[in-house]
Amino acid sequence: MAKRYIPPFEATLRVNSLGQIILPIAWQDWFRNMGGRAAEIGKVTDTFTQTDLAAGVYTFNHRLGRTEIIIQIYNESYKQMTPDDITLTDIDNAAIDVTSWGDITGKTFTVIGIG
């Protein structure tokens, strides 16, 4: 089973005018404690719709080459959405289960992976 690294707190990430993610101080500390440095953090953004799902699961190819990542999902109104589960399947991919959301036809969701 793939390891899952989840910070022991929740926070909302901010995105500046250049599209860069601004990490709260607590997250920067968490990354350092996990053996990383905030300067090493990469970001990948993608979108998905109903047609991208396989049995309610979206495969997010974040290409970050590590498992120490954070994944967040936002709807078209910029509201953070909580998936049923996120499983890191390897160092470049995550399976995001949104089965409980039901039919999402006509909606687009943005996925952000940082790590």
N, C-alpha and C. Protein backbone atom coordinates (compact mmCIF):
# COMPACT_ATOMS: atom_id res chain seq x y z
N MET A 1 0.84 -1.18 0.00
CA MET A 1 0.00 0.00 0.00
C MET A 1 0.89 1.25 0.00
N ALA A 2 0.52 2.25 -0.77
CA ALA A 2 1.28 3.49 -0.85
C ALA A 2 1.19 4.26 0.47
N LYS A 3 2.30 4.91 0.82
CA LYS A 3 2.29 5.73 2.03
C LYS A 3 1.49 6.99 1.78
N ARG A 4 0.83 7.47 2.84
CA ARG A 4 0.06 8.72 2.73
C ARG A 4 0.60 9.67 3.77
N TYR A 5 1.04 10.82 3.32
CA TYR A 5 1.55 11.84 4.21
C TYR A 5 0.52 12.96 4.29
N ILE A 6 -0.07 13.12 5.44
CA ILE A 6 -1.10 14.14 5.60
C ILE A 6 -0.70 15.04 6.76
N PRO A 7 -0.61 16.35 6.52
CA PRO A 7 -0.26 17.24 7.64
C PRO A 7 -1.34 17.19 8.72
N PRO A 8 -0.95 17.36 9.98
CA PRO A 8 -1.90 17.23 11.08
C PRO A 8 -2.77 18.46 11.30
N PHE A 9 -3.08 19.19 10.25
CA PHE A 9 -3.88 20.40 10.36
C PHE A 9 -4.45 20.71 8.99
N GLU A 10 -5.43 21.59 8.95
CA GLU A 10 -6.00 22.02 7.68
C GLU A 10 -5.76 23.51 7.51
N ALA A 11 -5.62 23.92 6.30
CA ALA A 11 -5.43 25.34 6.00
C ALA A 11 -5.83 25.56 4.55
N THR A 12 -6.16 26.76 4.23
CA THR A 12 -6.49 27.12 2.86
C THR A 12 -5.26 27.74 2.22
N LEU A 13 -4.91 27.24 1.07
CA LEU A 13 -3.78 27.80 0.34
C LEU A 13 -4.22 29.03 -0.42
N ARG A 14 -3.34 30.01 -0.48
CA ARG A 14 -3.61 31.20 -1.27
C ARG A 14 -2.77 31.14 -2.53
N VAL A 15 -3.29 31.71 -3.60
CA VAL A 15 -2.56 31.79 -4.85
C VAL A 15 -2.37 33.26 -5.17
N ASN A 16 -1.11 33.66 -5.41
CA ASN A 16 -0.85 35.07 -5.70
C ASN A 16 -1.15 35.39 -7.16
N SER A 17 -0.93 36.63 -7.56
CA SER A 17 -1.27 37.08 -8.92
C SER A 17 -0.43 36.41 -10.00
N LEU A 18 0.68 35.78 -9.62
CA LEU A 18 1.52 35.05 -10.57
C LEU A 18 1.14 33.58 -10.67
N GLY A 19 0.11 33.18 -9.90
CA GLY A 19 -0.32 31.79 -9.91
C GLY A 19 0.50 30.90 -8.99
N GLN A 20 1.33 31.50 -8.14
CA GLN A 20 2.15 30.72 -7.20
C GLN A 20 1.37 30.48 -5.92
N ILE A 21 1.52 29.29 -5.37
CA ILE A 21 0.85 28.95 -4.13
C ILE A 21 1.63 29.54 -2.96
N ILE A 22 0.92 30.21 -2.08
CA ILE A 22 1.51 30.77 -0.87
C ILE A 22 1.20 29.80 0.27
N LEU A 23 2.23 29.19 0.82
CA LEU A 23 2.04 28.23 1.90
C LEU A 23 1.96 28.92 3.24
N PRO A 24 0.99 28.55 4.07
CA PRO A 24 0.97 29.05 5.44
C PRO A 24 2.25 28.60 6.17
N ILE A 25 2.69 29.35 7.15
CA ILE A 25 3.91 29.04 7.88
C ILE A 25 3.89 27.62 8.44
N ALA A 26 2.74 27.19 8.99
CA ALA A 26 2.64 25.84 9.56
C ALA A 26 2.96 24.78 8.51
N TRP A 27 2.54 24.99 7.27
CA TRP A 27 2.82 24.02 6.21
C TRP A 27 4.30 24.02 5.87
N GLN A 28 4.92 25.20 5.84
CA GLN A 28 6.35 25.26 5.56
C GLN A 28 7.11 24.48 6.61
N ASP A 29 6.72 24.63 7.88
CA ASP A 29 7.35 23.89 8.97
C ASP A 29 7.14 22.39 8.78
N TRP A 30 5.94 21.99 8.39
CA TRP A 30 5.64 20.58 8.17
C TRP A 30 6.54 20.00 7.08
N PHE A 31 6.68 20.73 5.96
CA PHE A 31 7.55 20.26 4.88
C PHE A 31 8.98 20.10 5.36
N ARG A 32 9.48 21.06 6.12
CA ARG A 32 10.84 20.97 6.65
C ARG A 32 10.98 19.74 7.55
N ASN A 33 9.98 19.48 8.40
CA ASN A 33 10.01 18.32 9.28
C ASN A 33 9.94 17.01 8.50
N MET A 34 9.36 17.03 7.32
CA MET A 34 9.29 15.84 6.47
C MET A 34 10.58 15.65 5.69
N GLY A 35 11.55 16.56 5.90
CA GLY A 35 12.84 16.42 5.22
C GLY A 35 12.98 17.30 4.00
N GLY A 36 12.01 18.15 3.73
CA GLY A 36 12.08 19.02 2.58
C GLY A 36 12.31 20.46 2.97
N ARG A 37 12.44 21.29 1.97
CA ARG A 37 12.54 22.72 2.20
C ARG A 37 11.49 23.38 1.33
N ALA A 38 10.93 24.47 1.81
CA ALA A 38 9.88 25.16 1.06
C ALA A 38 10.36 25.52 -0.35
N ALA A 39 11.65 25.79 -0.50
CA ALA A 39 12.19 26.16 -1.81
C ALA A 39 12.14 25.00 -2.80
N GLU A 40 12.00 23.76 -2.31
CA GLU A 40 11.98 22.59 -3.18
C GLU A 40 10.58 22.24 -3.66
N ILE A 41 9.60 22.97 -3.24
CA ILE A 41 8.21 22.62 -3.54
C ILE A 41 7.87 22.94 -4.99
N GLY A 42 7.29 21.97 -5.67
CA GLY A 42 6.80 22.17 -7.02
C GLY A 42 5.29 22.22 -7.00
N LYS A 43 4.70 22.67 -8.10
CA LYS A 43 3.24 22.80 -8.19
C LYS A 43 2.77 22.28 -9.53
N VAL A 44 1.69 21.52 -9.51
CA VAL A 44 1.05 21.04 -10.74
C VAL A 44 -0.44 21.30 -10.61
N THR A 45 -1.02 21.87 -11.66
CA THR A 45 -2.45 22.15 -11.68
C THR A 45 -3.07 21.41 -12.85
N ASP A 46 -4.23 20.83 -12.62
CA ASP A 46 -4.95 20.10 -13.66
C ASP A 46 -6.44 20.28 -13.43
N THR A 47 -7.25 19.91 -14.39
CA THR A 47 -8.70 19.96 -14.23
C THR A 47 -9.28 18.60 -14.61
N PHE A 48 -10.46 18.30 -14.06
CA PHE A 48 -11.15 17.08 -14.47
C PHE A 48 -12.65 17.32 -14.52
N THR A 49 -13.31 16.50 -15.33
CA THR A 49 -14.76 16.52 -15.48
C THR A 49 -15.26 15.08 -15.37
N GLN A 50 -16.54 14.87 -15.54
CA GLN A 50 -17.14 13.54 -15.46
C GLN A 50 -16.43 12.56 -16.40
N THR A 51 -16.10 13.00 -17.61
CA THR A 51 -15.51 12.08 -18.59
C THR A 51 -14.10 11.63 -18.21
N ASP A 52 -13.46 12.31 -17.27
CA ASP A 52 -12.11 11.93 -16.83
C ASP A 52 -12.13 10.88 -15.71
N LEU A 53 -13.31 10.55 -15.21
CA LEU A 53 -13.41 9.61 -14.09
C LEU A 53 -13.55 8.17 -14.58
N ALA A 54 -12.95 7.26 -13.84
CA ALA A 54 -13.12 5.82 -14.07
C ALA A 54 -13.69 5.26 -12.79
N ALA A 55 -14.95 4.87 -12.81
CA ALA A 55 -15.66 4.35 -11.62
C ALA A 55 -15.56 5.34 -10.46
N GLY A 56 -15.69 6.63 -10.76
CA GLY A 56 -15.71 7.65 -9.72
C GLY A 56 -14.34 8.08 -9.23
N VAL A 57 -13.29 7.62 -9.91
CA VAL A 57 -11.92 7.94 -9.49
C VAL A 57 -11.19 8.68 -10.60
N TYR A 58 -10.54 9.78 -10.22
CA TYR A 58 -9.71 10.54 -11.15
C TYR A 58 -8.24 10.23 -10.87
N THR A 59 -7.49 9.89 -11.89
CA THR A 59 -6.05 9.66 -11.74
C THR A 59 -5.33 10.96 -12.05
N PHE A 60 -4.72 11.52 -11.01
CA PHE A 60 -4.00 12.79 -11.10
C PHE A 60 -2.52 12.51 -11.30
N ASN A 61 -2.01 12.84 -12.49
CA ASN A 61 -0.59 12.66 -12.79
C ASN A 61 0.13 13.96 -12.43
N HIS A 62 0.62 14.03 -11.20
CA HIS A 62 1.23 15.28 -10.71
C HIS A 62 2.69 15.43 -11.13
N ARG A 63 3.36 14.37 -11.51
CA ARG A 63 4.73 14.40 -12.03
C ARG A 63 5.73 15.09 -11.09
N LEU A 64 5.47 15.05 -9.79
CA LEU A 64 6.37 15.72 -8.84
C LEU A 64 7.51 14.81 -8.38
N GLY A 65 7.43 13.53 -8.68
CA GLY A 65 8.51 12.61 -8.37
C GLY A 65 8.73 12.37 -6.89
N ARG A 66 7.67 12.49 -6.10
CA ARG A 66 7.78 12.27 -4.66
C ARG A 66 6.41 11.94 -4.08
N THR A 67 6.40 11.40 -2.88
CA THR A 67 5.14 11.09 -2.23
C THR A 67 4.80 12.09 -1.14
N GLU A 68 5.69 13.01 -0.84
CA GLU A 68 5.43 14.03 0.18
C GLU A 68 4.73 15.21 -0.49
N ILE A 69 3.46 15.02 -0.83
CA ILE A 69 2.73 16.06 -1.54
C ILE A 69 1.40 16.35 -0.85
N ILE A 70 0.84 17.48 -1.20
CA ILE A 70 -0.48 17.87 -0.72
C ILE A 70 -1.34 18.10 -1.96
N ILE A 71 -2.55 17.56 -1.93
CA ILE A 71 -3.46 17.70 -3.06
C ILE A 71 -4.73 18.37 -2.57
N GLN A 72 -5.17 19.39 -3.31
CA GLN A 72 -6.43 20.06 -3.00
C GLN A 72 -7.26 20.18 -4.27
N ILE A 73 -8.58 20.19 -4.08
CA ILE A 73 -9.51 20.26 -5.20
C ILE A 73 -10.47 21.43 -4.98
N TYR A 74 -10.72 22.16 -6.06
CA TYR A 74 -11.62 23.31 -6.00
C TYR A 74 -12.67 23.19 -7.11
N ASN A 75 -13.89 23.66 -6.81
CA ASN A 75 -14.93 23.67 -7.83
C ASN A 75 -14.86 24.98 -8.62
N GLU A 76 -15.80 25.17 -9.52
CA GLU A 76 -15.81 26.36 -10.38
C GLU A 76 -16.05 27.65 -9.61
N SER A 77 -16.58 27.54 -8.39
CA SER A 77 -16.81 28.72 -7.55
C SER A 77 -15.67 28.94 -6.56
N TYR A 78 -14.55 28.24 -6.78
CA TYR A 78 -13.34 28.35 -5.94
C TYR A 78 -13.56 27.85 -4.52
N LYS A 79 -14.53 26.97 -4.34
CA LYS A 79 -14.76 26.36 -3.04
C LYS A 79 -13.94 25.07 -2.98
N GLN A 80 -13.21 24.90 -1.88
CA GLN A 80 -12.43 23.68 -1.72
C GLN A 80 -13.36 22.50 -1.51
N MET A 81 -13.13 21.43 -2.23
CA MET A 81 -13.95 20.23 -2.17
C MET A 81 -13.16 19.11 -1.49
N THR A 82 -13.86 18.26 -0.76
CA THR A 82 -13.22 17.15 -0.07
C THR A 82 -13.57 15.85 -0.78
N PRO A 83 -12.57 15.15 -1.32
CA PRO A 83 -12.85 13.87 -1.96
C PRO A 83 -13.08 12.79 -0.93
N ASP A 84 -13.57 11.64 -1.37
CA ASP A 84 -13.77 10.50 -0.48
C ASP A 84 -12.42 9.96 0.00
N ASP A 85 -11.44 9.96 -0.90
CA ASP A 85 -10.13 9.41 -0.56
C ASP A 85 -9.12 9.89 -1.60
N ILE A 86 -7.88 10.03 -1.16
CA ILE A 86 -6.76 10.28 -2.06
C ILE A 86 -5.71 9.24 -1.72
N THR A 87 -5.30 8.46 -2.72
CA THR A 87 -4.28 7.44 -2.54
C THR A 87 -3.13 7.74 -3.49
N LEU A 88 -1.95 7.88 -2.93
CA LEU A 88 -0.76 8.06 -3.77
C LEU A 88 -0.36 6.70 -4.30
N THR A 89 -0.52 6.51 -5.61
CA THR A 89 -0.27 5.19 -6.20
C THR A 89 1.20 4.97 -6.53
N ASP A 90 1.94 6.04 -6.75
CA ASP A 90 3.39 5.98 -6.93
C ASP A 90 3.92 7.41 -6.79
N ILE A 91 5.19 7.65 -7.14
CA ILE A 91 5.77 8.97 -6.91
C ILE A 91 5.26 10.04 -7.86
N ASP A 92 4.48 9.66 -8.87
CA ASP A 92 3.98 10.64 -9.84
C ASP A 92 2.47 10.66 -10.01
N ASN A 93 1.74 9.79 -9.32
CA ASN A 93 0.30 9.68 -9.54
C ASN A 93 -0.47 9.52 -8.24
N ALA A 94 -1.70 10.02 -8.27
CA ALA A 94 -2.61 9.87 -7.14
C ALA A 94 -4.00 9.50 -7.67
N ALA A 95 -4.66 8.60 -6.98
CA ALA A 95 -6.04 8.23 -7.31
C ALA A 95 -6.95 9.04 -6.38
N ILE A 96 -7.79 9.88 -6.97
CA ILE A 96 -8.69 10.75 -6.20
C ILE A 96 -10.11 10.21 -6.37
N ASP A 97 -10.65 9.69 -5.29
CA ASP A 97 -11.98 9.08 -5.32
C ASP A 97 -13.04 10.14 -4.98
N VAL A 98 -13.94 10.39 -5.94
CA VAL A 98 -15.02 11.35 -5.75
C VAL A 98 -16.38 10.69 -5.97
N THR A 99 -16.45 9.39 -5.72
CA THR A 99 -17.66 8.61 -5.96
C THR A 99 -18.88 9.23 -5.30
N SER A 100 -18.74 9.68 -4.06
CA SER A 100 -19.89 10.21 -3.33
C SER A 100 -20.43 11.51 -3.91
N TRP A 101 -19.67 12.16 -4.79
CA TRP A 101 -20.15 13.40 -5.41
C TRP A 101 -21.24 13.13 -6.43
N GLY A 102 -21.38 11.88 -6.85
CA GLY A 102 -22.40 11.53 -7.83
C GLY A 102 -22.04 12.01 -9.22
N ASP A 103 -23.06 12.28 -10.02
CA ASP A 103 -22.85 12.73 -11.39
C ASP A 103 -22.38 14.18 -11.40
N ILE A 104 -21.20 14.42 -11.96
CA ILE A 104 -20.66 15.79 -12.00
C ILE A 104 -20.65 16.34 -13.43
N THR A 105 -21.51 15.76 -14.28
CA THR A 105 -21.60 16.21 -15.67
C THR A 105 -21.83 17.72 -15.73
N GLY A 106 -21.08 18.40 -16.59
CA GLY A 106 -21.21 19.84 -16.76
C GLY A 106 -20.40 20.65 -15.78
N LYS A 107 -19.69 20.00 -14.88
CA LYS A 107 -18.88 20.70 -13.89
C LYS A 107 -17.40 20.40 -14.13
N THR A 108 -16.57 21.38 -13.83
CA THR A 108 -15.12 21.22 -13.95
C THR A 108 -14.50 21.48 -12.59
N PHE A 109 -13.56 20.63 -12.21
CA PHE A 109 -12.87 20.77 -10.93
C PHE A 109 -11.38 20.96 -11.18
N THR A 110 -10.76 21.80 -10.40
CA THR A 110 -9.34 22.08 -10.49
C THR A 110 -8.61 21.32 -9.38
N VAL A 111 -7.55 20.63 -9.75
CA VAL A 111 -6.73 19.89 -8.80
C VAL A 111 -5.37 20.57 -8.73
N ILE A 112 -4.90 20.81 -7.51
CA ILE A 112 -3.58 21.39 -7.31
C ILE A 112 -2.77 20.40 -6.48
N GLY A 113 -1.59 20.07 -6.96
CA GLY A 113 -0.67 19.22 -6.21
C GLY A 113 0.59 20.00 -5.94
N ILE A 114 1.01 20.02 -4.69
CA ILE A 114 2.26 20.68 -4.34
C ILE A 114 3.11 19.72 -3.52
N GLY A 115 4.38 19.79 -3.74
CA GLY A 115 5.27 18.92 -2.99
C GLY A 115 6.67 18.95 -3.51
